[in-house]
PDB file of N, CA and C in Angstrom:
ATOM      1  N   UNK A   1      12.217 -98.150  49.421  1.00  0.00           N
ATOM      2  CA  UNK A   1      12.429 -97.820  48.029  1.00  0.00           C
ATOM      3  C   UNK A   1      12.935 -96.386  47.940  1.00  0.00           C
ATOM      4  N   UNK A   2      13.975 -96.155  47.194  1.00  0.00           N
ATOM      5  CA  UNK A   2      14.568 -94.839  47.042  1.00  0.00           C
ATOM      6  C   UNK A   2      13.846 -94.065  45.952  1.00  0.00           C
ATOM      7  N   UNK A   3      13.568 -92.778  46.245  1.00  0.00           N
ATOM      8  CA  UNK A   3      12.959 -91.929  45.240  1.00  0.00           C
ATOM      9  C   UNK A   3      13.981 -91.615  44.160  1.00  0.00           C
ATOM     10  N   UNK A   4      13.521 -91.533  42.917  1.00  0.00           N
ATOM     11  CA  UNK A   4      14.424 -91.106  41.855  1.00  0.00           C
ATOM     12  C   UNK A   4      14.550 -89.591  41.923  1.00  0.00           C
ATOM     13  N   UNK A   5      15.686 -89.083  41.510  1.00  0.00           N
ATOM     14  CA  UNK A   5      15.910 -87.644  41.528  1.00  0.00           C
ATOM     15  C   UNK A   5      15.999 -87.167  40.087  1.00  0.00           C
ATOM     16  N   UNK A   6      15.089 -86.246  39.668  1.00  0.00           N
ATOM     17  CA  UNK A   6      15.011 -85.847  38.272  1.00  0.00           C
ATOM     18  C   UNK A   6      16.119 -84.894  37.822  1.00  0.00           C
ATOM     19  N   UNK A   7      16.902 -84.358  38.742  1.00  0.00           N
ATOM     20  CA  UNK A   7      17.996 -83.482  38.367  1.00  0.00           C
ATOM     21  C   UNK A   7      19.130 -83.657  39.369  1.00  0.00           C
ATOM     22  N   UNK A   8      20.292 -83.134  39.018  1.00  0.00           N
ATOM     23  CA  UNK A   8      21.454 -83.258  39.903  1.00  0.00           C
ATOM     24  C   UNK A   8      21.383 -82.219  41.008  1.00  0.00           C
ATOM     25  N   UNK A   9      21.967 -82.557  42.145  1.00  0.00           N
ATOM     26  CA  UNK A   9      22.048 -81.626  43.259  1.00  0.00           C
ATOM     27  C   UNK A   9      22.916 -80.431  42.869  1.00  0.00           C
ATOM     28  N   UNK A  10      22.582 -79.284  43.438  1.00  0.00           N
ATOM     29  CA  UNK A  10      23.395 -78.086  43.276  1.00  0.00           C
ATOM     30  C   UNK A  10      24.082 -77.860  44.616  1.00  0.00           C
ATOM     31  N   UNK A  11      25.408 -77.808  44.591  1.00  0.00           N
ATOM     32  CA  UNK A  11      26.173 -77.690  45.826  1.00  0.00           C
ATOM     33  C   UNK A  11      26.835 -76.329  45.938  1.00  0.00           C
ATOM     34  N   UNK A  12      26.808 -75.778  47.143  1.00  0.00           N
ATOM     35  CA  UNK A  12      27.603 -74.597  47.467  1.00  0.00           C
ATOM     36  C   UNK A  12      28.546 -75.019  48.583  1.00  0.00           C
ATOM     37  N   UNK A  13      29.294 -74.070  49.104  1.00  0.00           N
ATOM     38  CA  UNK A  13      30.222 -74.387  50.187  1.00  0.00           C
ATOM     39  C   UNK A  13      29.491 -74.964  51.400  1.00  0.00           C
ATOM     40  N   UNK A  14      28.286 -74.435  51.704  1.00  0.00           N
ATOM     41  CA  UNK A  14      27.571 -74.863  52.912  1.00  0.00           C
ATOM     42  C   UNK A  14      26.258 -75.583  52.652  1.00  0.00           C
ATOM     43  N   UNK A  15      25.692 -75.431  51.457  1.00  0.00           N
ATOM     44  CA  UNK A  15      24.343 -75.931  51.201  1.00  0.00           C
ATOM     45  C   UNK A  15      24.278 -76.890  50.025  1.00  0.00           C
ATOM     46  N   UNK A  16      23.168 -77.621  49.995  1.00  0.00           N
ATOM     47  CA  UNK A  16      22.847 -78.507  48.880  1.00  0.00           C
ATOM     48  C   UNK A  16      21.389 -78.269  48.501  1.00  0.00           C
ATOM     49  N   UNK A  17      21.139 -77.914  47.249  1.00  0.00           N
ATOM     50  CA  UNK A  17      19.775 -77.839  46.723  1.00  0.00           C
ATOM     51  C   UNK A  17      19.505 -79.190  46.098  1.00  0.00           C
ATOM     52  N   UNK A  18      18.441 -79.840  46.562  1.00  0.00           N
ATOM     53  CA  UNK A  18      18.173 -81.214  46.138  1.00  0.00           C
ATOM     54  C   UNK A  18      16.673 -81.475  46.111  1.00  0.00           C
ATOM     55  N   UNK A  19      16.311 -82.608  45.546  1.00  0.00           N
ATOM     56  CA  UNK A  19      14.913 -83.029  45.570  1.00  0.00           C
ATOM     57  C   UNK A  19      14.471 -83.226  47.011  1.00  0.00           C
ATOM     58  N   UNK A  20      13.225 -82.884  47.283  1.00  0.00           N
ATOM     59  CA  UNK A  20      12.651 -83.212  48.586  1.00  0.00           C
ATOM     60  C   UNK A  20      12.501 -84.719  48.669  1.00  0.00           C
ATOM     61  N   UNK A  21      12.694 -85.256  49.871  1.00  0.00           N
ATOM     62  CA  UNK A  21      12.585 -86.700  50.091  1.00  0.00           C
ATOM     63  C   UNK A  21      11.566 -86.952  51.194  1.00  0.00           C
ATOM     64  N   UNK A  22      10.996 -88.148  51.190  1.00  0.00           N
ATOM     65  CA  UNK A  22      10.010 -88.481  52.218  1.00  0.00           C
ATOM     66  C   UNK A  22      10.589 -88.400  53.626  1.00  0.00           C
ATOM     67  N   UNK A  23      11.897 -88.620  53.778  1.00  0.00           N
ATOM     68  CA  UNK A  23      12.470 -88.500  55.116  1.00  0.00           C
ATOM     69  C   UNK A  23      12.634 -87.035  55.555  1.00  0.00           C
ATOM     70  N   UNK A  24      12.255 -86.084  54.705  1.00  0.00           N
ATOM     71  CA  UNK A  24      12.224 -84.658  55.057  1.00  0.00           C
ATOM     72  C   UNK A  24      10.892 -84.258  55.707  1.00  0.00           C
ATOM     73  N   UNK A  25       9.941 -85.166  55.740  1.00  0.00           N
ATOM     74  CA  UNK A  25       8.573 -84.844  56.155  1.00  0.00           C
ATOM     75  C   UNK A  25       8.505 -84.122  57.493  1.00  0.00           C
ATOM     76  N   UNK A  26       9.098 -84.674  58.529  1.00  0.00           N
ATOM     77  CA  UNK A  26       8.961 -84.085  59.869  1.00  0.00           C
ATOM     78  C   UNK A  26       9.619 -82.715  59.956  1.00  0.00           C
ATOM     79  N   UNK A  27      10.797 -82.560  59.375  1.00  0.00           N
ATOM     80  CA  UNK A  27      11.474 -81.256  59.419  1.00  0.00           C
ATOM     81  C   UNK A  27      10.682 -80.215  58.642  1.00  0.00           C
ATOM     82  N   UNK A  28      10.183 -80.584  57.473  1.00  0.00           N
ATOM     83  CA  UNK A  28       9.415 -79.637  56.666  1.00  0.00           C
ATOM     84  C   UNK A  28       8.131 -79.236  57.388  1.00  0.00           C
ATOM     85  N   UNK A  29       7.464 -80.198  57.992  1.00  0.00           N
ATOM     86  CA  UNK A  29       6.239 -79.889  58.731  1.00  0.00           C
ATOM     87  C   UNK A  29       6.545 -78.948  59.900  1.00  0.00           C
ATOM     88  N   UNK A  30       7.657 -79.184  60.582  1.00  0.00           N
ATOM     89  CA  UNK A  30       8.009 -78.360  61.746  1.00  0.00           C
ATOM     90  C   UNK A  30       8.207 -76.898  61.363  1.00  0.00           C
ATOM     91  N   UNK A  31       9.002 -76.622  60.328  1.00  0.00           N
ATOM     92  CA  UNK A  31       9.218 -75.208  60.001  1.00  0.00           C
ATOM     93  C   UNK A  31       8.051 -74.602  59.237  1.00  0.00           C
ATOM     94  N   UNK A  32       7.372 -75.381  58.415  1.00  0.00           N
ATOM     95  CA  UNK A  32       6.225 -74.850  57.674  1.00  0.00           C
ATOM     96  C   UNK A  32       5.027 -74.584  58.586  1.00  0.00           C
ATOM     97  N   UNK A  33       4.988 -75.191  59.770  1.00  0.00           N
ATOM     98  CA  UNK A  33       3.908 -74.981  60.740  1.00  0.00           C
ATOM     99  C   UNK A  33       4.268 -73.948  61.802  1.00  0.00           C
ATOM    100  N   UNK A  34       5.489 -73.458  61.784  1.00  0.00           N
ATOM    101  CA  UNK A  34       5.959 -72.499  62.784  1.00  0.00           C
ATOM    102  C   UNK A  34       5.246 -71.151  62.589  1.00  0.00           C
ATOM    103  N   UNK A  35       4.715 -70.538  63.664  1.00  0.00           N
ATOM    104  CA  UNK A  35       3.971 -69.278  63.537  1.00  0.00           C
ATOM    105  C   UNK A  35       4.745 -68.152  62.841  1.00  0.00           C
ATOM    106  N   UNK A  36       6.055 -68.055  63.077  1.00  0.00           N
ATOM    107  CA  UNK A  36       6.841 -67.001  62.432  1.00  0.00           C
ATOM    108  C   UNK A  36       6.983 -67.228  60.926  1.00  0.00           C
ATOM    109  N   UNK A  37       6.914 -68.466  60.509  1.00  0.00           N
ATOM    110  CA  UNK A  37       7.008 -68.788  59.087  1.00  0.00           C
ATOM    111  C   UNK A  37       5.638 -68.642  58.421  1.00  0.00           C
ATOM    112  N   UNK A  38       4.593 -69.085  59.124  1.00  0.00           N
ATOM    113  CA  UNK A  38       3.234 -69.071  58.561  1.00  0.00           C
ATOM    114  C   UNK A  38       2.767 -67.689  58.130  1.00  0.00           C
ATOM    115  N   UNK A  39       3.190 -66.658  58.847  1.00  0.00           N
ATOM    116  CA  UNK A  39       2.699 -65.318  58.525  1.00  0.00           C
ATOM    117  C   UNK A  39       3.107 -64.858  57.124  1.00  0.00           C
ATOM    118  N   UNK A  40       4.104 -65.508  56.528  1.00  0.00           N
ATOM    119  CA  UNK A  40       4.572 -65.122  55.197  1.00  0.00           C
ATOM    120  C   UNK A  40       4.251 -66.166  54.129  1.00  0.00           C
ATOM    121  N   UNK A  41       3.489 -67.189  54.471  1.00  0.00           N
ATOM    122  CA  UNK A  41       3.220 -68.282  53.546  1.00  0.00           C
ATOM    123  C   UNK A  41       1.755 -68.314  53.128  1.00  0.00           C
ATOM    124  N   UNK A  42       1.523 -68.836  51.942  1.00  0.00           N
ATOM    125  CA  UNK A  42       0.133 -69.017  51.496  1.00  0.00           C
ATOM    126  C   UNK A  42      -0.336 -70.454  51.713  1.00  0.00           C
ATOM    127  N   UNK A  43       0.572 -71.330  52.130  1.00  0.00           N
ATOM    128  CA  UNK A  43       0.225 -72.739  52.348  1.00  0.00           C
ATOM    129  C   UNK A  43       0.603 -73.143  53.761  1.00  0.00           C
ATOM    130  N   UNK A  44      -0.375 -73.653  54.506  1.00  0.00           N
ATOM    131  CA  UNK A  44      -0.154 -74.150  55.857  1.00  0.00           C
ATOM    132  C   UNK A  44      -0.509 -75.634  55.890  1.00  0.00           C
ATOM    133  N   UNK A  45       0.505 -76.501  55.981  1.00  0.00           N
ATOM    134  CA  UNK A  45       0.199 -77.933  56.041  1.00  0.00           C
ATOM    135  C   UNK A  45      -0.495 -78.274  57.351  1.00  0.00           C
ATOM    136  N   UNK A  46      -1.486 -79.152  57.279  1.00  0.00           N
ATOM    137  CA  UNK A  46      -2.261 -79.513  58.469  1.00  0.00           C
ATOM    138  C   UNK A  46      -1.807 -80.808  59.119  1.00  0.00           C
ATOM    139  N   UNK A  47      -0.991 -81.583  58.410  1.00  0.00           N
ATOM    140  CA  UNK A  47      -0.580 -82.877  58.966  1.00  0.00           C
ATOM    141  C   UNK A  47       0.697 -83.366  58.283  1.00  0.00           C
ATOM    142  N   UNK A  48       1.316 -84.349  58.912  1.00  0.00           N
ATOM    143  CA  UNK A  48       2.481 -84.988  58.295  1.00  0.00           C
ATOM    144  C   UNK A  48       2.093 -85.677  56.991  1.00  0.00           C
ATOM    145  N   UNK A  49       0.889 -86.234  56.968  1.00  0.00           N
ATOM    146  CA  UNK A  49       0.414 -86.919  55.759  1.00  0.00           C
ATOM    147  C   UNK A  49       0.292 -85.943  54.588  1.00  0.00           C
ATOM    148  N   UNK A  50      -0.120 -84.712  54.883  1.00  0.00           N
ATOM    149  CA  UNK A  50      -0.231 -83.708  53.814  1.00  0.00           C
ATOM    150  C   UNK A  50       1.150 -83.373  53.252  1.00  0.00           C
ATOM    151  N   UNK A  51       2.142 -83.277  54.131  1.00  0.00           N
ATOM    152  CA  UNK A  51       3.512 -83.026  53.681  1.00  0.00           C
ATOM    153  C   UNK A  51       4.011 -84.206  52.849  1.00  0.00           C
ATOM    154  N   UNK A  52       3.754 -85.426  53.296  1.00  0.00           N
ATOM    155  CA  UNK A  52       4.177 -86.615  52.539  1.00  0.00           C
ATOM    156  C   UNK A  52       3.554 -86.630  51.152  1.00  0.00           C
ATOM    157  N   UNK A  53       2.286 -86.310  51.082  1.00  0.00           N
ATOM    158  CA  UNK A  53       1.593 -86.265  49.795  1.00  0.00           C
ATOM    159  C   UNK A  53       2.194 -85.184  48.893  1.00  0.00           C
ATOM    160  N   UNK A  54       2.483 -84.034  49.484  1.00  0.00           N
ATOM    161  CA  UNK A  54       3.084 -82.928  48.743  1.00  0.00           C
ATOM    162  C   UNK A  54       4.443 -83.344  48.175  1.00  0.00           C
ATOM    163  N   UNK A  55       5.293 -83.935  49.014  1.00  0.00           N
ATOM    164  CA  UNK A  55       6.617 -84.371  48.561  1.00  0.00           C
ATOM    165  C   UNK A  55       6.482 -85.422  47.463  1.00  0.00           C
ATOM    166  N   UNK A  56       5.580 -86.366  47.638  1.00  0.00           N
ATOM    167  CA  UNK A  56       5.367 -87.404  46.617  1.00  0.00           C
ATOM    168  C   UNK A  56       4.915 -86.806  45.293  1.00  0.00           C
ATOM    169  N   UNK A  57       4.114 -85.755  45.350  1.00  0.00           N
ATOM    170  CA  UNK A  57       3.635 -85.131  44.113  1.00  0.00           C
ATOM    171  C   UNK A  57       4.767 -84.448  43.349  1.00  0.00           C
ATOM    172  N   UNK A  58       5.821 -84.027  44.046  1.00  0.00           N
ATOM    173  CA  UNK A  58       6.951 -83.370  43.381  1.00  0.00           C
ATOM    174  C   UNK A  58       7.720 -84.346  42.501  1.00  0.00           C
ATOM    175  N   UNK A  59       7.725 -85.626  42.863  1.00  0.00           N
ATOM    176  CA  UNK A  59       8.414 -86.643  42.068  1.00  0.00           C
ATOM    177  C   UNK A  59       7.786 -86.743  40.681  1.00  0.00           C
ATOM    178  N   UNK A  60       6.488 -86.496  40.607  1.00  0.00           N
ATOM    179  CA  UNK A  60       5.757 -86.626  39.345  1.00  0.00           C
ATOM    180  C   UNK A  60       5.868 -85.375  38.460  1.00  0.00           C
ATOM    181  N   UNK A  61       6.305 -84.271  39.023  1.00  0.00           N
ATOM    182  CA  UNK A  61       6.359 -83.013  38.275  1.00  0.00           C
ATOM    183  C   UNK A  61       7.675 -82.858  37.518  1.00  0.00           C
ATOM    184  N   UNK A  62       7.592 -82.198  36.384  1.00  0.00           N
ATOM    185  CA  UNK A  62       8.795 -81.854  35.642  1.00  0.00           C
ATOM    186  C   UNK A  62       9.101 -80.393  35.916  1.00  0.00           C
ATOM    187  N   UNK A  63      10.361 -80.103  36.102  1.00  0.00           N
ATOM    188  CA  UNK A  63      10.797 -78.774  36.517  1.00  0.00           C
ATOM    189  C   UNK A  63      10.408 -77.671  35.535  1.00  0.00           C
ATOM    190  N   UNK A  64      10.421 -77.910  34.262  1.00  0.00           N
ATOM    191  CA  UNK A  64      10.176 -76.852  33.280  1.00  0.00           C
ATOM    192  C   UNK A  64       8.735 -76.778  32.781  1.00  0.00           C
ATOM    193  N   UNK A  65       7.791 -77.311  33.546  1.00  0.00           N
ATOM    194  CA  UNK A  65       6.390 -77.239  33.153  1.00  0.00           C
ATOM    195  C   UNK A  65       5.688 -76.198  34.018  1.00  0.00           C
ATOM    196  N   UNK A  66       4.622 -75.572  33.512  1.00  0.00           N
ATOM    197  CA  UNK A  66       3.917 -74.548  34.297  1.00  0.00           C
ATOM    198  C   UNK A  66       3.445 -75.082  35.644  1.00  0.00           C
ATOM    199  N   UNK A  67       3.524 -74.230  36.642  1.00  0.00           N
ATOM    200  CA  UNK A  67       3.110 -74.569  37.994  1.00  0.00           C
ATOM    201  C   UNK A  67       4.283 -74.480  38.960  1.00  0.00           C
ATOM    202  N   UNK A  68       4.013 -74.880  40.201  1.00  0.00           N
ATOM    203  CA  UNK A  68       5.027 -74.815  41.256  1.00  0.00           C
ATOM    204  C   UNK A  68       5.801 -76.116  41.348  1.00  0.00           C
ATOM    205  N   UNK A  69       7.102 -75.998  41.556  1.00  0.00           N
ATOM    206  CA  UNK A  69       7.976 -77.131  41.812  1.00  0.00           C
ATOM    207  C   UNK A  69       8.800 -76.765  43.046  1.00  0.00           C
ATOM    208  N   UNK A  70       8.885 -77.652  44.004  1.00  0.00           N
ATOM    209  CA  UNK A  70       9.566 -77.380  45.266  1.00  0.00           C
ATOM    210  C   UNK A  70      10.824 -78.240  45.382  1.00  0.00           C
ATOM    211  N   UNK A  71      11.936 -77.625  45.783  1.00  0.00           N
ATOM    212  CA  UNK A  71      13.160 -78.373  46.039  1.00  0.00           C
ATOM    213  C   UNK A  71      13.606 -78.117  47.475  1.00  0.00           C
ATOM    214  N   UNK A  72      14.400 -79.019  48.008  1.00  0.00           N
ATOM    215  CA  UNK A  72      14.878 -78.894  49.376  1.00  0.00           C
ATOM    216  C   UNK A  72      16.163 -78.085  49.458  1.00  0.00           C
ATOM    217  N   UNK A  73      16.299 -77.353  50.552  1.00  0.00           N
ATOM    218  CA  UNK A  73      17.546 -76.667  50.886  1.00  0.00           C
ATOM    219  C   UNK A  73      18.097 -77.402  52.103  1.00  0.00           C
ATOM    220  N   UNK A  74      19.253 -78.025  51.937  1.00  0.00           N
ATOM    221  CA  UNK A  74      19.818 -78.857  52.997  1.00  0.00           C
ATOM    222  C   UNK A  74      21.239 -78.407  53.318  1.00  0.00           C
ATOM    223  N   UNK A  75      21.670 -78.743  54.521  1.00  0.00           N
ATOM    224  CA  UNK A  75      23.062 -78.509  54.892  1.00  0.00           C
ATOM    225  C   UNK A  75      23.923 -79.492  54.125  1.00  0.00           C
ATOM    226  N   UNK A  76      25.008 -79.016  53.597  1.00  0.00           N
ATOM    227  CA  UNK A  76      25.863 -79.882  52.781  1.00  0.00           C
ATOM    228  C   UNK A  76      26.497 -80.995  53.610  1.00  0.00           C
ATOM    229  N   UNK A  77      26.901 -80.706  54.828  1.00  0.00           N
ATOM    230  CA  UNK A  77      27.587 -81.699  55.653  1.00  0.00           C
ATOM    231  C   UNK A  77      26.746 -82.911  55.969  1.00  0.00           C
ATOM    232  N   UNK A  78      25.587 -82.698  56.583  1.00  0.00           N
ATOM    233  CA  UNK A  78      24.778 -83.840  57.013  1.00  0.00           C
ATOM    234  C   UNK A  78      23.529 -84.054  56.168  1.00  0.00           C
ATOM    235  N   UNK A  79      23.253 -83.169  55.225  1.00  0.00           N
ATOM    236  CA  UNK A  79      22.102 -83.320  54.349  1.00  0.00           C
ATOM    237  C   UNK A  79      20.777 -82.998  54.998  1.00  0.00           C
ATOM    238  N   UNK A  80      20.813 -82.458  56.235  1.00  0.00           N
ATOM    239  CA  UNK A  80      19.575 -82.137  56.941  1.00  0.00           C
ATOM    240  C   UNK A  80      18.833 -80.977  56.317  1.00  0.00           C
ATOM    241  N   UNK A  81      17.542 -81.140  56.124  1.00  0.00           N
ATOM    242  CA  UNK A  81      16.702 -80.123  55.504  1.00  0.00           C
ATOM    243  C   UNK A  81      16.582 -78.899  56.420  1.00  0.00           C
ATOM    244  N   UNK A  82      16.819 -77.710  55.865  1.00  0.00           N
ATOM    245  CA  UNK A  82      16.660 -76.468  56.627  1.00  0.00           C
ATOM    246  C   UNK A  82      15.652 -75.533  55.975  1.00  0.00           C
ATOM    247  N   UNK A  83      15.155 -75.908  54.808  1.00  0.00           N
ATOM    248  CA  UNK A  83      14.179 -75.070  54.122  1.00  0.00           C
ATOM    249  C   UNK A  83      13.828 -75.646  52.766  1.00  0.00           C
ATOM    250  N   UNK A  84      13.064 -74.855  52.018  1.00  0.00           N
ATOM    251  CA  UNK A  84      12.712 -75.278  50.668  1.00  0.00           C
ATOM    252  C   UNK A  84      12.612 -74.068  49.762  1.00  0.00           C
ATOM    253  N   UNK A  85      12.738 -74.327  48.485  1.00  0.00           N
ATOM    254  CA  UNK A  85      12.695 -73.284  47.466  1.00  0.00           C
ATOM    255  C   UNK A  85      11.627 -73.668  46.448  1.00  0.00           C
ATOM    256  N   UNK A  86      10.676 -72.763  46.257  1.00  0.00           N
ATOM    257  CA  UNK A  86       9.632 -72.982  45.269  1.00  0.00           C
ATOM    258  C   UNK A  86       9.980 -72.283  43.966  1.00  0.00           C
ATOM    259  N   UNK A  87       9.798 -72.984  42.880  1.00  0.00           N
ATOM    260  CA  UNK A  87      10.036 -72.426  41.545  1.00  0.00           C
ATOM    261  C   UNK A  87       8.710 -72.494  40.801  1.00  0.00           C
ATOM    262  N   UNK A  88       8.174 -71.338  40.473  1.00  0.00           N
ATOM    263  CA  UNK A  88       6.873 -71.256  39.808  1.00  0.00           C
ATOM    264  C   UNK A  88       7.084 -70.861  38.353  1.00  0.00           C
ATOM    265  N   UNK A  89       6.889 -71.821  37.465  1.00  0.00           N
ATOM    266  CA  UNK A  89       6.988 -71.564  36.030  1.00  0.00           C
ATOM    267  C   UNK A  89       5.636 -71.005  35.580  1.00  0.00           C
ATOM    268  N   UNK A  90       5.664 -69.813  34.988  1.00  0.00           N
ATOM    269  CA  UNK A  90       4.421 -69.165  34.585  1.00  0.00           C
ATOM    270  C   UNK A  90       3.790 -69.862  33.381  1.00  0.00           C
ATOM    271  N   UNK A  91       2.470 -69.936  33.391  1.00  0.00           N
ATOM    272  CA  UNK A  91       1.754 -70.564  32.272  1.00  0.00           C
ATOM    273  C   UNK A  91       1.825 -69.703  31.022  1.00  0.00           C
ATOM    274  N   UNK A  92       1.889 -68.390  31.197  1.00  0.00           N
ATOM    275  CA  UNK A  92       1.886 -67.483  30.056  1.00  0.00           C
ATOM    276  C   UNK A  92       3.217 -67.448  29.315  1.00  0.00           C
ATOM    277  N   UNK A  93       4.303 -67.777  30.016  1.00  0.00           N
ATOM    278  CA  UNK A  93       5.631 -67.778  29.390  1.00  0.00           C
ATOM    279  C   UNK A  93       6.547 -68.659  30.223  1.00  0.00           C
ATOM    280  N   UNK A  94       6.839 -69.851  29.740  1.00  0.00           N
ATOM    281  CA  UNK A  94       7.622 -70.812  30.518  1.00  0.00           C
ATOM    282  C   UNK A  94       9.085 -70.400  30.684  1.00  0.00           C
ATOM    283  N   UNK A  95       9.480 -69.295  30.068  1.00  0.00           N
ATOM    284  CA  UNK A  95      10.832 -68.780  30.269  1.00  0.00           C
ATOM    285  C   UNK A  95      10.914 -67.891  31.507  1.00  0.00           C
ATOM    286  N   UNK A  96       9.766 -67.590  32.112  1.00  0.00           N
ATOM    287  CA  UNK A  96       9.721 -66.713  33.280  1.00  0.00           C
ATOM    288  C   UNK A  96       9.302 -67.534  34.491  1.00  0.00           C
ATOM    289  N   UNK A  97      10.039 -67.369  35.599  1.00  0.00           N
ATOM    290  CA  UNK A  97       9.712 -68.077  36.838  1.00  0.00           C
ATOM    291  C   UNK A  97       9.697 -67.104  38.012  1.00  0.00           C
ATOM    292  N   UNK A  98       8.922 -67.475  39.021  1.00  0.00           N
ATOM    293  CA  UNK A  98       8.956 -66.808  40.318  1.00  0.00           C
ATOM    294  C   UNK A  98       9.665 -67.760  41.265  1.00  0.00           C
ATOM    295  N   UNK A  99      10.421 -67.208  42.199  1.00  0.00           N
ATOM    296  CA  UNK A  99      11.131 -68.042  43.160  1.00  0.00           C
ATOM    297  C   UNK A  99      10.746 -67.604  44.561  1.00  0.00           C
ATOM    298  N   UNK A 100      10.434 -68.571  45.403  1.00  0.00           N
ATOM    299  CA  UNK A 100      10.085 -68.313  46.807  1.00  0.00           C
ATOM    300  C   UNK A 100      10.929 -69.223  47.683  1.00  0.00           C
ATOM    301  N   UNK A 101      11.446 -68.674  48.771  1.00  0.00           N
ATOM    302  CA  UNK A 101      12.310 -69.449  49.656  1.00  0.00           C
ATOM    303  C   UNK A 101      11.739 -69.421  51.063  1.00  0.00           C
ATOM    304  N   UNK A 102      11.705 -70.582  51.692  1.00  0.00           N
ATOM    305  CA  UNK A 102      11.279 -70.721  53.084  1.00  0.00           C
ATOM    306  C   UNK A 102      12.424 -71.372  53.847  1.00  0.00           C
ATOM    307  N   UNK A 103      12.834 -70.726  54.931  1.00  0.00           N
ATOM    308  CA  UNK A 103      13.937 -71.234  55.752  1.00  0.00           C
ATOM    309  C   UNK A 103      13.436 -71.424  57.178  1.00  0.00           C
ATOM    310  N   UNK A 104      13.804 -72.532  57.794  1.00  0.00           N
ATOM    311  CA  UNK A 104      13.452 -72.796  59.194  1.00  0.00           C
ATOM    312  C   UNK A 104      14.013 -71.672  60.064  1.00  0.00           C
ATOM    313  N   UNK A 105      13.231 -71.192  61.056  1.00  0.00           N
ATOM    314  CA  UNK A 105      13.685 -70.081  61.900  1.00  0.00           C
ATOM    315  C   UNK A 105      15.057 -70.278  62.522  1.00  0.00           C
ATOM    316  N   UNK A 106      15.423 -71.483  62.904  1.00  0.00           N
ATOM    317  CA  UNK A 106      16.725 -71.728  63.528  1.00  0.00           C
ATOM    318  C   UNK A 106      17.892 -71.425  62.595  1.00  0.00           C
ATOM    319  N   UNK A 107      17.631 -71.337  61.289  1.00  0.00           N
ATOM    320  CA  UNK A 107      18.692 -71.112  60.311  1.00  0.00           C
ATOM    321  C   UNK A 107      18.604 -69.746  59.639  1.00  0.00           C
ATOM    322  N   UNK A 108      17.681 -68.923  60.091  1.00  0.00           N
ATOM    323  CA  UNK A 108      17.552 -67.572  59.539  1.00  0.00           C
ATOM    324  C   UNK A 108      18.525 -66.632  60.243  1.00  0.00           C
ATOM    325  N   UNK A 109      19.180 -65.795  59.469  1.00  0.00           N
ATOM    326  CA  UNK A 109      20.060 -64.776  60.047  1.00  0.00           C
ATOM    327  C   UNK A 109      19.206 -63.614  60.527  1.00  0.00           C
ATOM    328  N   UNK A 110      19.598 -63.051  61.623  1.00  0.00           N
ATOM    329  CA  UNK A 110      18.843 -61.930  62.179  1.00  0.00           C
ATOM    330  C   UNK A 110      19.394 -60.625  61.680  1.00  0.00           C
TER     331      UNK A 110
END
């Protein structure tokens, strides 16, 4: 069964910002569990099942509601996930958001 996507993809020359999908589970777990990435994160997934649950919960969230919403950062050519972008809509003012980006170490520029 295909997940519905609540918004359109955003495309650049090299990247695609898109909804996270269940087939992103292993890649997301790999970079989110990497020691170099963990030192800057407040969330450390403990299992593939936790990542699957997290991705499934994003389908139920609306982008403009208070709380965190996560989208995938993928390569435009093959659609492979290389990171994710968190958008945190503040409860005190839904016009203000915080943005956090996590990129797999193999795709980070030095």
